[in-house]
Amino acid sequence: HRGQPRSRHRIDGRRRHHSRGRRDLRKVLLRSDAPDPKVLGIKVWPTAIPQYELGHLDLMAELGEMEGKNEGGGLWVCGNYRSGVAFPDCVTFGYDHAKVVKEYLDGR
């Protein structure tokens, strides 16, 4: 059967990623005694490593300047390409940016 051992490995890999995801959720978002989250799906790219294109850091610096001067008039660009692809980094960035947005809205 073509791929039989590989299929088992894939399932084990998904379980491992699912377990890691639950652990990260508990650290960042949930209480330690919270029930497990409902899993809607898991997509694993075992050989994928996020790569930023040439000039990415310059673009991020320009976005930061624009946001600092509020040149976007209340526009903020958020996403894992701003702070890193690790789940805790994304959540931390989201919380930090939410504070900035709230300050902007409170001042209007």
C-alpha atoms as a PDB file:
ATOM      1  CA  HIS A   1       0.000   0.000   0.000  1.00  0.00           C
ATOM      2  CA  ARG A   2       1.633   3.150  -1.194  1.00  0.00           C
ATOM      3  CA  GLY A   3       2.401   5.575   1.620  1.00  0.00           C
ATOM      4  CA  GLN A   4       1.115   3.383   4.452  1.00  0.00           C
ATOM      5  CA  PRO A   5       3.930   4.188   6.908  1.00  0.00           C
ATOM      6  CA  ARG A   6       3.961   7.776   5.748  1.00  0.00           C
ATOM      7  CA  SER A   7       0.222   8.085   6.387  1.00  0.00           C
ATOM      8  CA  ARG A   8       0.696   6.887   9.957  1.00  0.00           C
ATOM      9  CA  HIS A   9       3.517   9.394  10.372  1.00  0.00           C
ATOM     10  CA  ARG A  10       1.294  12.148   9.026  1.00  0.00           C
ATOM     11  CA  ILE A  11      -1.434  11.346  11.554  1.00  0.00           C
ATOM     12  CA  ASP A  12       1.111  11.204  14.381  1.00  0.00           C
ATOM     13  CA  GLY A  13       2.545  14.501  13.167  1.00  0.00           C
ATOM     14  CA  ARG A  14      -0.891  16.108  13.211  1.00  0.00           C
ATOM     15  CA  ARG A  15      -1.474  14.855  16.729  1.00  0.00           C
ATOM     16  CA  ARG A  16       1.872  16.306  17.756  1.00  0.00           C
ATOM     17  CA  HIS A  17       1.035  19.670  16.159  1.00  0.00           C
ATOM     18  CA  HIS A  18      -2.440  19.614  17.681  1.00  0.00           C
ATOM     19  CA  SER A  19      -0.922  18.961  21.097  1.00  0.00           C
ATOM     20  CA  ARG A  20       1.589  21.780  20.602  1.00  0.00           C
ATOM     21  CA  GLY A  21      -1.237  24.086  19.523  1.00  0.00           C
ATOM     22  CA  ARG A  22      -3.271  23.307  22.651  1.00  0.00           C
ATOM     23  CA  ARG A  23      -0.204  23.951  24.796  1.00  0.00           C
ATOM     24  CA  ASP A  24       0.439  27.305  23.113  1.00  0.00           C
ATOM     25  CA  LEU A  25      -3.221  28.303  23.471  1.00  0.00           C
ATOM     26  CA  ARG A  26      -3.126  27.564  27.178  1.00  0.00           C
ATOM     27  CA  LYS A  27       0.042  29.636  27.597  1.00  0.00           C
ATOM     28  CA  VAL A  28      -1.176  32.615  25.627  1.00  0.00           C
ATOM     29  CA  LEU A  29      -4.963  32.795  25.596  1.00  0.00           C
ATOM     30  CA  LEU A  30      -6.674  30.279  27.825  1.00  0.00           C
ATOM     31  CA  ARG A  31      -6.711  29.442  31.484  1.00  0.00           C
ATOM     32  CA  SER A  32      -4.744  26.341  32.397  1.00  0.00           C
ATOM     33  CA  ASP A  33      -7.978  24.593  33.456  1.00  0.00           C
ATOM     34  CA  ALA A  34      -9.940  25.535  30.305  1.00  0.00           C
ATOM     35  CA  PRO A  35     -11.460  22.700  28.253  1.00  0.00           C
ATOM     36  CA  ASP A  36      -9.724  21.747  25.024  1.00  0.00           C
ATOM     37  CA  PRO A  37     -10.548  24.037  22.091  1.00  0.00           C
ATOM     38  CA  LYS A  38     -12.635  22.704  19.218  1.00  0.00           C
ATOM     39  CA  VAL A  39     -10.311  21.770  16.359  1.00  0.00           C
ATOM     40  CA  LEU A  40     -11.703  22.729  12.973  1.00  0.00           C
ATOM     41  CA  GLY A  41      -8.730  21.510  10.998  1.00  0.00           C
ATOM     42  CA  ILE A  42      -4.989  21.139  10.965  1.00  0.00           C
ATOM     43  CA  LYS A  43      -2.747  21.773   7.982  1.00  0.00           C
ATOM     44  CA  VAL A  44       0.886  20.789   8.386  1.00  0.00           C
ATOM     45  CA  TRP A  45       3.644  21.706   5.962  1.00  0.00           C
ATOM     46  CA  PRO A  46       6.512  19.611   7.346  1.00  0.00           C
ATOM     47  CA  THR A  47       9.169  21.098   5.080  1.00  0.00           C
ATOM     48  CA  ALA A  48       7.875  24.667   4.979  1.00  0.00           C
ATOM     49  CA  ILE A  49       9.936  27.408   6.546  1.00  0.00           C
ATOM     50  CA  PRO A  50       8.484  30.922   6.286  1.00  0.00           C
ATOM     51  CA  GLN A  51      10.643  33.135   4.126  1.00  0.00           C
ATOM     52  CA  TYR A  52      10.418  36.899   3.894  1.00  0.00           C
ATOM     53  CA  GLU A  53      11.200  38.546   0.587  1.00  0.00           C
ATOM     54  CA  LEU A  54      14.119  40.891   0.061  1.00  0.00           C
ATOM     55  CA  GLY A  55      13.182  44.326   1.412  1.00  0.00           C
ATOM     56  CA  HIS A  56      10.744  42.996   4.004  1.00  0.00           C
ATOM     57  CA  LEU A  57      12.460  44.707   6.949  1.00  0.00           C
ATOM     58  CA  ASP A  58      12.476  48.047   5.124  1.00  0.00           C
ATOM     59  CA  LEU A  59       8.767  47.691   4.399  1.00  0.00           C
ATOM     60  CA  MET A  60       8.043  46.853   8.047  1.00  0.00           C
ATOM     61  CA  ALA A  61      10.036  49.914   9.167  1.00  0.00           C
ATOM     62  CA  GLU A  62       8.079  52.094   6.734  1.00  0.00           C
ATOM     63  CA  LEU A  63       4.781  50.691   8.025  1.00  0.00           C
ATOM     64  CA  GLY A  64       5.878  51.360  11.601  1.00  0.00           C
ATOM     65  CA  GLU A  65       6.748  54.968  10.731  1.00  0.00           C
ATOM     66  CA  MET A  66       3.431  55.464   8.937  1.00  0.00           C
ATOM     67  CA  GLU A  67       1.503  54.089  11.899  1.00  0.00           C
ATOM     68  CA  GLY A  68       3.563  56.144  14.366  1.00  0.00           C
ATOM     69  CA  LYS A  69       2.696  59.345  12.515  1.00  0.00           C
ATOM     70  CA  ASN A  70      -0.874  58.076  11.991  1.00  0.00           C
ATOM     71  CA  GLU A  71      -0.528  58.750   8.277  1.00  0.00           C
ATOM     72  CA  GLY A  72      -3.017  55.978   7.638  1.00  0.00           C
ATOM     73  CA  GLY A  73      -5.809  57.857   9.412  1.00  0.00           C
ATOM     74  CA  GLY A  74      -6.668  54.916  11.620  1.00  0.00           C
ATOM     75  CA  LEU A  75      -5.311  52.171   9.378  1.00  0.00           C
ATOM     76  CA  TRP A  76      -3.080  49.560  10.993  1.00  0.00           C
ATOM     77  CA  VAL A  77      -1.468  46.657   9.207  1.00  0.00           C
ATOM     78  CA  CYS A  78      -1.349  43.536  11.351  1.00  0.00           C
ATOM     79  CA  GLY A  79      -0.375  39.944  10.760  1.00  0.00           C
ATOM     80  CA  ASN A  80       2.286  37.363  11.339  1.00  0.00           C
ATOM     81  CA  TYR A  81       4.521  38.995   8.746  1.00  0.00           C
ATOM     82  CA  ARG A  82       4.919  41.942  11.177  1.00  0.00           C
ATOM     83  CA  SER A  83       5.925  40.113  14.347  1.00  0.00           C
ATOM     84  CA  GLY A  84       6.962  36.561  13.519  1.00  0.00           C
ATOM     85  CA  VAL A  85       5.100  33.423  12.612  1.00  0.00           C
ATOM     86  CA  ALA A  86       5.094  31.719  16.016  1.00  0.00           C
ATOM     87  CA  PHE A  87       1.624  31.683  17.568  1.00  0.00           C
ATOM     88  CA  PRO A  88       2.646  33.412  20.834  1.00  0.00           C
ATOM     89  CA  ASP A  89       4.381  36.178  18.840  1.00  0.00           C
ATOM     90  CA  CYS A  90       1.225  36.759  16.798  1.00  0.00           C
ATOM     91  CA  VAL A  91      -0.992  36.935  19.881  1.00  0.00           C
ATOM     92  CA  THR A  92       1.387  39.266  21.721  1.00  0.00           C
ATOM     93  CA  PHE A  93       1.551  41.539  18.678  1.00  0.00           C
ATOM     94  CA  GLY A  94      -2.248  41.477  18.453  1.00  0.00           C
ATOM     95  CA  TYR A  95      -2.662  42.479  22.094  1.00  0.00           C
ATOM     96  CA  ASP A  96      -0.057  45.236  21.767  1.00  0.00           C
ATOM     97  CA  HIS A  97      -1.635  46.591  18.593  1.00  0.00           C
ATOM     98  CA  ALA A  98      -5.126  46.426  20.113  1.00  0.00           C
ATOM     99  CA  LYS A  99      -3.918  48.843  22.814  1.00  0.00           C
ATOM    100  CA  VAL A 100      -2.649  51.256  20.155  1.00  0.00           C
ATOM    101  CA  VAL A 101      -5.946  51.081  18.263  1.00  0.00           C
ATOM    102  CA  LYS A 102      -7.936  51.596  21.476  1.00  0.00           C
ATOM    103  CA  GLU A 103      -5.868  54.672  22.370  1.00  0.00           C
ATOM    104  CA  TYR A 104      -6.522  56.063  18.890  1.00  0.00           C
ATOM    105  CA  LEU A 105     -10.271  55.428  19.127  1.00  0.00           C
ATOM    106  CA  ASP A 106     -10.488  56.825  22.664  1.00  0.00           C
ATOM    107  CA  GLY A 107      -8.854  60.033  21.436  1.00  0.00           C
ATOM    108  CA  ARG A 108     -11.383  60.624  18.665  1.00  0.00           C
END
